[in-house]
Amino acid sequence: MAKGLQVDQLWLERIAGQLNDMEFGSLHIVVHEGQIVQMERTERKRFENTAVKAAKTGIKARTRQDLKKTAPDHRQA
């Protein structure tokens, strides 16, 4: 018969530490023979579409061409 998983205060703190600052993602806990042996954290970063945000606020979104025009030219003459 399989051993029951015992989660002590140390593991609860470790799990809470992994979840603490996560905004979007998952925490996968691997158990082997009734013991936690590994935690895998997958975190997602989400960014708002700047063109949509600019349209809502009335600010012109910068295109690649705009950025090229304002970027310094570092080519050697």
N, C-alpha and C. Protein backbone atom coordinates (compact mmCIF):
# COMPACT_ATOMS: atom_id res chain seq x y z
N MET A 1 0.85 -1.19 0.00
CA MET A 1 0.00 0.00 0.00
C MET A 1 0.88 1.25 0.00
N ALA A 2 0.45 2.27 -0.73
CA ALA A 2 1.21 3.51 -0.85
C ALA A 2 1.20 4.28 0.47
N LYS A 3 2.30 4.97 0.71
CA LYS A 3 2.40 5.81 1.91
C LYS A 3 1.55 7.06 1.72
N GLY A 4 0.94 7.52 2.78
CA GLY A 4 0.20 8.78 2.72
C GLY A 4 1.16 9.95 2.74
N LEU A 5 0.83 11.00 2.05
CA LEU A 5 1.68 12.18 2.00
C LEU A 5 1.54 12.98 3.28
N GLN A 6 2.65 13.24 3.92
CA GLN A 6 2.68 14.08 5.12
C GLN A 6 3.34 15.41 4.73
N VAL A 7 2.60 16.50 4.87
CA VAL A 7 3.14 17.81 4.54
C VAL A 7 3.36 18.58 5.84
N ASP A 8 4.64 18.82 6.17
CA ASP A 8 4.95 19.52 7.41
C ASP A 8 5.04 21.03 7.16
N GLN A 9 5.31 21.78 8.20
CA GLN A 9 5.35 23.25 8.11
C GLN A 9 6.42 23.74 7.15
N LEU A 10 7.56 23.05 7.09
CA LEU A 10 8.63 23.44 6.18
C LEU A 10 8.16 23.40 4.73
N TRP A 11 7.47 22.30 4.35
CA TRP A 11 6.98 22.19 2.97
C TRP A 11 5.87 23.19 2.70
N LEU A 12 5.03 23.47 3.67
CA LEU A 12 4.00 24.48 3.48
C LEU A 12 4.62 25.85 3.21
N GLU A 13 5.71 26.14 3.92
CA GLU A 13 6.41 27.41 3.71
C GLU A 13 7.07 27.45 2.34
N ARG A 14 7.67 26.34 1.91
CA ARG A 14 8.30 26.28 0.58
C ARG A 14 7.26 26.47 -0.52
N ILE A 15 6.12 25.81 -0.37
CA ILE A 15 5.05 25.94 -1.37
C ILE A 15 4.53 27.37 -1.40
N ALA A 16 4.29 27.94 -0.23
CA ALA A 16 3.81 29.33 -0.16
C ALA A 16 4.83 30.28 -0.77
N GLY A 17 6.12 30.02 -0.55
CA GLY A 17 7.18 30.86 -1.13
C GLY A 17 7.16 30.84 -2.65
N GLN A 18 6.88 29.68 -3.23
CA GLN A 18 6.80 29.56 -4.68
C GLN A 18 5.57 30.28 -5.25
N LEU A 19 4.50 30.30 -4.48
CA LEU A 19 3.25 30.91 -4.95
C LEU A 19 3.16 32.40 -4.64
N ASN A 20 3.96 32.86 -3.70
CA ASN A 20 3.84 34.22 -3.17
C ASN A 20 3.76 35.32 -4.22
N ASP A 21 4.73 35.41 -5.11
CA ASP A 21 4.75 36.54 -6.05
C ASP A 21 4.31 36.14 -7.45
N MET A 22 3.68 34.97 -7.58
CA MET A 22 3.23 34.51 -8.90
C MET A 22 1.90 35.18 -9.23
N GLU A 23 1.85 35.80 -10.42
CA GLU A 23 0.61 36.44 -10.85
C GLU A 23 -0.20 35.52 -11.77
N PHE A 24 0.50 34.91 -12.75
CA PHE A 24 -0.12 33.94 -13.66
C PHE A 24 0.83 32.76 -13.78
N GLY A 25 0.34 31.56 -13.63
CA GLY A 25 1.21 30.40 -13.80
C GLY A 25 0.70 29.19 -13.05
N SER A 26 1.62 28.23 -12.87
CA SER A 26 1.25 27.01 -12.17
C SER A 26 2.42 26.49 -11.36
N LEU A 27 2.11 25.72 -10.34
CA LEU A 27 3.11 25.07 -9.52
C LEU A 27 2.79 23.58 -9.52
N HIS A 28 3.72 22.80 -10.04
CA HIS A 28 3.56 21.35 -10.16
C HIS A 28 4.39 20.71 -9.06
N ILE A 29 3.75 19.94 -8.19
CA ILE A 29 4.44 19.29 -7.07
C ILE A 29 4.55 17.81 -7.37
N VAL A 30 5.78 17.30 -7.36
CA VAL A 30 6.03 15.90 -7.68
C VAL A 30 6.23 15.13 -6.37
N VAL A 31 5.46 14.05 -6.22
CA VAL A 31 5.52 13.22 -5.01
C VAL A 31 6.01 11.83 -5.41
N HIS A 32 6.97 11.31 -4.66
CA HIS A 32 7.50 9.97 -4.90
C HIS A 32 7.55 9.21 -3.57
N GLU A 33 6.87 8.11 -3.52
CA GLU A 33 6.79 7.27 -2.32
C GLU A 33 6.37 8.08 -1.08
N GLY A 34 5.36 8.91 -1.25
CA GLY A 34 4.82 9.66 -0.13
C GLY A 34 5.64 10.86 0.30
N GLN A 35 6.64 11.24 -0.49
CA GLN A 35 7.50 12.38 -0.16
C GLN A 35 7.48 13.38 -1.33
N ILE A 36 7.42 14.66 -1.02
CA ILE A 36 7.57 15.68 -2.06
C ILE A 36 9.04 15.68 -2.45
N VAL A 37 9.32 15.49 -3.73
CA VAL A 37 10.70 15.43 -4.18
C VAL A 37 11.07 16.57 -5.13
N GLN A 38 10.06 17.26 -5.66
CA GLN A 38 10.36 18.29 -6.65
C GLN A 38 9.18 19.23 -6.79
N MET A 39 9.49 20.49 -7.09
CA MET A 39 8.46 21.47 -7.44
C MET A 39 8.89 22.13 -8.74
N GLU A 40 7.97 22.24 -9.67
CA GLU A 40 8.23 22.89 -10.95
C GLU A 40 7.30 24.08 -11.08
N ARG A 41 7.88 25.24 -11.25
CA ARG A 41 7.11 26.46 -11.34
C ARG A 41 7.13 26.97 -12.77
N THR A 42 5.97 27.20 -13.34
CA THR A 42 5.84 27.79 -14.67
C THR A 42 5.10 29.10 -14.51
N GLU A 43 5.76 30.17 -14.88
CA GLU A 43 5.16 31.49 -14.70
C GLU A 43 4.94 32.14 -16.05
N ARG A 44 3.83 32.81 -16.19
CA ARG A 44 3.49 33.52 -17.41
C ARG A 44 3.53 35.02 -17.13
N LYS A 45 4.02 35.75 -18.10
CA LYS A 45 4.01 37.21 -18.04
C LYS A 45 3.05 37.68 -19.11
N ARG A 46 2.10 38.50 -18.74
CA ARG A 46 1.12 39.01 -19.71
C ARG A 46 1.33 40.51 -19.89
N PHE A 47 1.29 40.91 -21.15
CA PHE A 47 1.51 42.31 -21.49
C PHE A 47 0.34 42.81 -22.31
N GLU A 48 -0.12 44.00 -22.03
CA GLU A 48 -1.22 44.59 -22.78
C GLU A 48 -0.72 45.01 -24.15
N ASN A 49 -1.54 44.82 -25.15
CA ASN A 49 -1.21 45.22 -26.51
C ASN A 49 -1.09 46.74 -26.56
N THR A 50 0.09 47.27 -26.88
CA THR A 50 0.32 48.71 -26.83
C THR A 50 -0.49 49.47 -27.87
N ALA A 51 -0.76 48.87 -29.03
CA ALA A 51 -1.56 49.55 -30.06
C ALA A 51 -2.99 49.76 -29.57
N VAL A 52 -3.54 48.76 -28.91
CA VAL A 52 -4.90 48.87 -28.38
C VAL A 52 -4.93 49.91 -27.27
N LYS A 53 -3.93 49.87 -26.39
CA LYS A 53 -3.86 50.84 -25.29
C LYS A 53 -3.71 52.25 -25.84
N ALA A 54 -2.87 52.42 -26.86
CA ALA A 54 -2.66 53.74 -27.46
C ALA A 54 -3.94 54.25 -28.09
N ALA A 55 -4.68 53.38 -28.76
CA ALA A 55 -5.93 53.80 -29.39
C ALA A 55 -6.94 54.25 -28.34
N LYS A 56 -6.96 53.58 -27.22
CA LYS A 56 -7.89 53.95 -26.15
C LYS A 56 -7.54 55.29 -25.54
N THR A 57 -6.23 55.58 -25.45
CA THR A 57 -5.79 56.82 -24.79
C THR A 57 -5.53 57.95 -25.76
N GLY A 58 -5.61 57.66 -27.08
CA GLY A 58 -5.38 58.70 -28.07
C GLY A 58 -3.92 58.96 -28.37
N ILE A 59 -3.01 58.10 -27.88
CA ILE A 59 -1.58 58.24 -28.13
C ILE A 59 -1.22 57.43 -29.36
N LYS A 60 -0.42 58.03 -30.25
CA LYS A 60 -0.01 57.32 -31.47
C LYS A 60 0.99 56.23 -31.09
N ALA A 61 0.72 55.00 -31.56
CA ALA A 61 1.64 53.89 -31.33
C ALA A 61 2.84 54.07 -32.23
N ARG A 62 4.03 53.78 -31.71
CA ARG A 62 5.25 53.90 -32.49
C ARG A 62 5.45 52.65 -33.34
N THR A 63 5.76 52.86 -34.59
CA THR A 63 6.00 51.74 -35.50
C THR A 63 7.49 51.45 -35.55
N ARG A 64 7.85 50.36 -36.21
CA ARG A 64 9.28 50.04 -36.37
C ARG A 64 9.99 51.15 -37.14
N GLN A 65 9.30 51.71 -38.14
CA GLN A 65 9.90 52.79 -38.91
C GLN A 65 10.17 54.00 -38.02
N ASP A 66 9.24 54.32 -37.12
CA ASP A 66 9.44 55.43 -36.18
C ASP A 66 10.66 55.17 -35.31
N LEU A 67 10.79 53.95 -34.84
CA LEU A 67 11.91 53.61 -33.97
C LEU A 67 13.24 53.68 -34.72
N LYS A 68 13.25 53.26 -35.99
CA LYS A 68 14.47 53.32 -36.79
C LYS A 68 14.89 54.77 -37.02
N LYS A 69 13.91 55.66 -37.22
CA LYS A 69 14.22 57.06 -37.45
C LYS A 69 14.86 57.71 -36.22
N THR A 70 14.47 57.30 -35.03
CA THR A 70 14.97 57.92 -33.82
C THR A 70 16.18 57.21 -33.22
N ALA A 71 16.48 55.99 -33.74
CA ALA A 71 17.61 55.23 -33.20
C ALA A 71 18.92 55.82 -33.70
N PRO A 72 19.93 55.93 -32.82
CA PRO A 72 21.22 56.46 -33.26
C PRO A 72 21.89 55.48 -34.23
N ASP A 73 22.62 56.03 -35.20
CA ASP A 73 23.32 55.21 -36.18
C ASP A 73 24.73 54.94 -35.64
N HIS A 74 25.03 53.66 -35.37
CA HIS A 74 26.30 53.28 -34.77
C HIS A 74 27.29 52.72 -35.80
N ARG A 75 26.99 52.87 -37.07
CA ARG A 75 27.89 52.35 -38.11
C ARG A 75 29.16 53.19 -38.17
N GLN A 76 30.27 52.51 -38.36
CA GLN A 76 31.56 53.20 -38.50
C GLN A 76 31.67 53.77 -39.91
N ALA A 77 32.18 55.00 -40.04
CA ALA A 77 32.34 55.62 -41.36
C ALA A 77 33.72 55.34 -41.91
